[in-house]
Protein backbone atom coordinates (compact mmCIF):
# COMPACT_ATOMS: atom_id res chain seq x y z
CA MET A 1 9.73 -98.30 72.69
CA ALA A 2 10.87 -97.54 76.18
CA ILE A 3 9.15 -99.49 79.23
CA SER A 4 7.72 -97.70 81.93
CA ILE A 5 9.10 -99.51 84.75
CA ILE A 6 7.07 -97.41 87.60
CA ARG A 7 3.90 -97.97 85.68
CA ILE A 8 4.63 -101.53 85.26
CA MET A 9 5.39 -102.01 89.08
CA THR A 10 2.13 -100.23 90.30
CA ALA A 11 0.11 -102.42 87.84
CA ILE A 12 1.55 -105.33 88.98
CA ALA A 13 1.07 -104.52 92.37
CA LEU A 14 -2.71 -103.36 92.35
CA ALA A 15 -3.42 -106.31 90.07
CA GLY A 16 -2.05 -108.79 92.56
CA ALA A 17 -3.70 -107.12 95.41
CA SER A 18 -6.99 -107.17 93.34
CA VAL A 19 -7.58 -110.52 92.98
CA LEU A 20 -8.57 -111.27 96.51
CA GLY A 21 -11.41 -108.84 96.22
CA GLY A 22 -10.42 -106.86 99.38
CA THR A 23 -9.20 -109.81 101.25
CA ALA A 24 -5.52 -109.08 101.14
CA ALA A 25 -3.37 -106.21 102.84
CA SER A 26 -3.94 -103.17 100.97
CA ALA A 27 -0.97 -102.32 97.98
CA PRO A 28 0.92 -99.55 98.56
CA ALA A 29 0.04 -96.22 96.41
CA ALA A 30 3.88 -96.20 95.03
CA PRO A 31 4.72 -100.00 95.39
CA SER A 32 8.34 -101.04 96.16
CA ALA A 33 9.79 -104.34 96.25
CA SER A 34 10.47 -105.40 99.86
CA SER A 35 13.77 -106.29 100.86
CA SER A 36 12.66 -110.11 102.02
CA ALA A 37 12.43 -110.83 98.15
CA ALA A 38 13.93 -113.80 96.71
CA PRO A 39 17.55 -113.76 95.13
CA VAL A 40 17.96 -114.02 91.37
CA ALA A 41 20.88 -115.97 90.38
CA GLU A 42 22.05 -116.06 86.58
CA ALA A 43 22.72 -119.83 85.33
CA GLY A 44 24.24 -120.38 81.79
CA ASN A 45 21.54 -119.00 79.58
CA VAL A 46 18.93 -118.39 81.85
CA VAL A 47 18.02 -116.33 84.78
CA GLN A 48 16.79 -118.23 87.75
CA VAL A 49 13.60 -116.36 89.51
CA ALA A 50 12.89 -117.21 93.27
CA LEU A 51 9.61 -116.32 94.90
CA LEU A 52 7.53 -117.33 97.95
CA ASP A 53 10.73 -117.62 99.92
CA GLY A 54 12.22 -120.02 97.61
CA LYS A 55 9.40 -122.08 97.37
CA MET A 56 8.60 -121.44 93.46
CA THR A 57 10.64 -120.95 90.95
CA PHE A 58 10.84 -120.43 87.08
CA GLN A 59 13.50 -119.28 84.63
CA LEU A 60 13.79 -116.40 82.08
CA PRO A 61 15.80 -115.87 78.98
CA ARG A 62 19.39 -114.75 80.09
CA ASP A 63 18.65 -111.01 78.35
CA PHE A 64 16.01 -110.00 80.97
CA VAL A 65 17.58 -107.82 83.62
CA ASN A 66 16.49 -107.54 87.26
CA GLN A 67 14.65 -104.22 87.85
CA THR A 68 13.23 -104.73 91.02
CA ARG A 69 13.31 -101.79 93.03
CA GLN A 70 15.34 -102.07 96.60
CA ASP A 71 13.75 -99.97 99.06
CA ALA A 72 15.05 -100.53 102.57
CA ASN A 73 12.51 -97.96 104.22
CA ALA A 74 9.54 -99.66 102.56
CA GLN A 75 6.55 -100.66 104.96
CA ASN A 76 5.46 -103.79 105.06
CA THR A 77 2.52 -103.83 103.24
CA GLY A 78 1.88 -107.48 102.69
CA VAL A 79 2.76 -106.82 98.80
CA VAL A 80 6.20 -107.97 97.44
CA VAL A 81 7.25 -107.09 93.61
CA GLN A 82 9.93 -108.00 91.36
CA LEU A 83 10.17 -107.01 87.99
CA PHE A 84 12.52 -108.16 84.91
CA ALA A 85 12.84 -106.11 81.59
CA ASN A 86 14.11 -106.92 78.06
CA GLN A 87 14.57 -103.56 76.91
CA ALA A 88 15.82 -104.70 73.46
CA HIS A 89 12.44 -106.59 72.99
CA SER A 90 10.53 -104.21 75.01
CA GLN A 91 9.26 -106.98 76.92
CA ALA A 92 8.39 -107.03 80.93
CA VAL A 93 7.79 -110.14 83.51
CA GLY A 94 6.58 -108.82 87.02
CA ILE A 95 5.63 -110.90 89.97
CA SER A 96 3.85 -109.90 93.10
CA GLU A 97 3.13 -111.87 95.97
CA VAL A 98 0.06 -110.59 98.27
CA ARG A 99 -0.36 -112.01 101.48
CA THR A 100 -3.90 -112.89 102.83
CA VAL A 101 -5.55 -111.18 105.70
CA ASN A 102 -6.67 -114.54 107.23
CA GLY A 103 -3.72 -116.49 106.34
CA ASP A 104 -5.53 -119.13 103.81
CA ALA A 105 -4.92 -118.80 99.89
CA ASN A 106 -5.26 -122.16 98.64
CA ASP A 107 -8.96 -121.89 96.92
CA THR A 108 -8.54 -122.80 93.48
CA SER A 109 -12.32 -123.55 92.77
CA ASP A 110 -13.89 -121.95 89.46
CA ALA A 111 -15.78 -119.41 91.94
CA ALA A 112 -12.23 -118.31 93.34
CA PHE A 113 -10.78 -118.08 89.89
CA ASN A 114 -13.66 -116.00 88.43
CA LYS A 115 -13.50 -113.59 91.64
CA MET A 116 -9.72 -113.55 91.22
CA ALA A 117 -9.92 -112.74 87.32
CA GLN A 118 -12.59 -109.69 88.22
CA GLY A 119 -9.99 -107.99 90.58
CA ALA A 120 -7.18 -108.54 88.21
CA LEU A 121 -9.02 -106.84 85.57
CA SER A 122 -10.12 -104.22 87.43
CA GLY A 123 -6.55 -103.48 88.84
CA LEU A 124 -5.35 -103.55 85.14
CA LYS A 125 -7.78 -101.11 84.11
CA THR A 126 -6.64 -98.53 86.63
CA GLN A 127 -3.31 -98.57 85.18
CA PHE A 128 -3.72 -99.02 81.42
CA LYS A 129 -6.20 -97.95 78.71
CA ASN A 130 -8.43 -99.93 76.57
CA VAL A 131 -8.17 -103.13 78.50
CA LYS A 132 -9.47 -106.09 76.65
CA LYS A 133 -9.72 -109.46 77.64
CA THR A 134 -8.81 -111.89 74.82
CA GLY A 135 -8.80 -114.88 76.86
CA GLN A 136 -9.37 -116.86 80.36
CA THR A 137 -8.30 -120.69 81.02
CA GLN A 138 -6.96 -122.75 83.54
CA VAL A 139 -3.44 -124.48 83.53
CA VAL A 140 -1.84 -126.93 85.77
CA VAL A 141 1.65 -126.82 86.22
CA SER A 142 3.36 -129.84 88.70
CA LYS A 143 -0.31 -130.86 89.82
CA HIS A 144 -1.06 -126.88 90.99
CA LYS A 145 -3.78 -124.75 89.22
CA PHE A 146 -3.02 -121.29 87.84
CA LEU A 147 -5.72 -118.95 86.25
CA ARG A 148 -4.30 -117.69 82.95
CA ILE A 149 -5.52 -114.36 81.75
CA ASP A 150 -4.85 -112.94 78.49
CA ALA A 151 -5.43 -109.57 77.39
CA GLN A 152 -4.68 -106.57 75.18
CA GLN A 153 -3.76 -102.93 76.51
CA GLU A 154 -2.39 -99.64 75.85
CA MET A 155 0.72 -98.15 77.42
CA GLN A 156 1.96 -94.92 76.67
CA GLY A 157 -0.20 -94.73 73.16
CA LYS A 158 1.40 -98.45 72.42
CA ALA A 159 -0.57 -101.73 72.28
CA MET A 160 0.62 -104.25 74.41
CA LEU A 161 -0.08 -108.19 74.85
CA GLY A 162 -0.75 -108.99 78.52
CA THR A 163 -0.91 -112.27 80.32
CA LEU A 164 -1.61 -113.00 83.64
CA LEU A 165 -0.63 -116.18 85.55
CA ILE A 166 -2.17 -116.39 88.96
CA THR A 167 -2.45 -118.99 91.94
CA PRO A 168 -2.85 -119.09 95.66
CA TYR A 169 -0.24 -120.77 97.62
CA ILE A 170 -0.28 -121.34 101.25
CA ASP A 171 -1.10 -118.00 102.53
CA ARG A 172 -0.27 -115.64 99.43
CA VAL A 173 -1.80 -115.15 95.94
CA VAL A 174 1.23 -114.81 93.15
CA THR A 175 0.57 -112.98 89.87
CA ILE A 176 2.96 -113.46 87.24
CA GLN A 177 2.42 -110.63 84.58
CA VAL A 178 3.77 -110.77 81.14
CA LEU A 179 3.94 -107.93 78.84
CA SER A 180 5.07 -107.79 75.23
CA PRO A 181 4.34 -105.44 72.28
CA VAL A 182 1.43 -106.66 70.04
CA SER A 183 3.94 -107.08 67.16
CA GLY A 184 5.87 -109.59 68.77
CA VAL A 185 3.00 -112.24 69.34
CA GLY A 186 5.33 -115.21 68.84
CA ALA A 187 7.98 -113.89 71.30
CA HIS A 188 5.31 -113.08 74.04
CA ASP A 189 3.80 -116.78 73.58
CA ALA A 190 7.53 -118.19 74.00
CA LEU A 191 7.93 -116.32 76.94
CA VAL A 192 4.88 -117.48 78.78
CA GLY A 193 5.44 -120.85 77.64
CA GLY A 194 8.92 -120.79 78.93
CA ILE A 195 7.66 -119.65 82.24
CA LEU A 196 5.18 -122.24 82.60
CA GLY A 197 7.58 -124.88 81.49
CA THR A 198 10.37 -124.23 84.11
CA LEU A 199 7.88 -123.43 86.73
CA SER A 200 8.57 -125.58 89.92
CA PHE A 201 7.63 -125.92 93.72
CA HIS A 202 10.00 -126.98 95.98
C-alpha cells in the first residue's frame, strides 16, 4: 500500500497549526519543509531525529527514510515539517513545529490540551475521511507533559491508525504524527512506544 507523502505532510502541517486554535502563524497551503530543519543522523540500528533546533530528539528504526521535502524558496510561514516513511510497512512519522504568535507555548493545563485536541482533530478531518478519535491521554516524558490522541481514519480508501503526540515547548508547539495500517496495530504501538521511550530534551 503506497503512502501519499504530500497528503501526509499537508495533514501534519494542518494538524500542527490547528492545535493552537488560531494563535499560531498560518500553515502554508502546500507545506514545505524549512531549510532550517535539524539534521538527521543514522547511528547503528536507529535514525536519530532532531527538532526544535536540537532541543528535542528521538529515535526511529533504521528502516525509516527521511522524506522531508527541501524547498529553498519556501516562505517563512512559522511551520517546520519533517517526514519519515517506512514504505515496506506503510508507516509514516511526521513532525511539525509551529511558532506561536506571542512567542509563548508553555501552557500544559487540561484546558490548553483540550483546546489543542479539538484543533488537531479539526486539522485531521480536513485531510482524511472518517476520522474517529479512539483515545485521549496525557503522558509525561522527562518531566514534560505530552497530549496523546489516538484515532482511526481513512487514507486513499485504506483504514489507518493514527497517533498524535503534542506538546508546547518554549515558543513552539510540536506535533508528532504516527500513521500505520489498521492491520499493523502491534507495529504501530511499538513505534509509538519507541518514540516516547527515546524522547529527550537538551
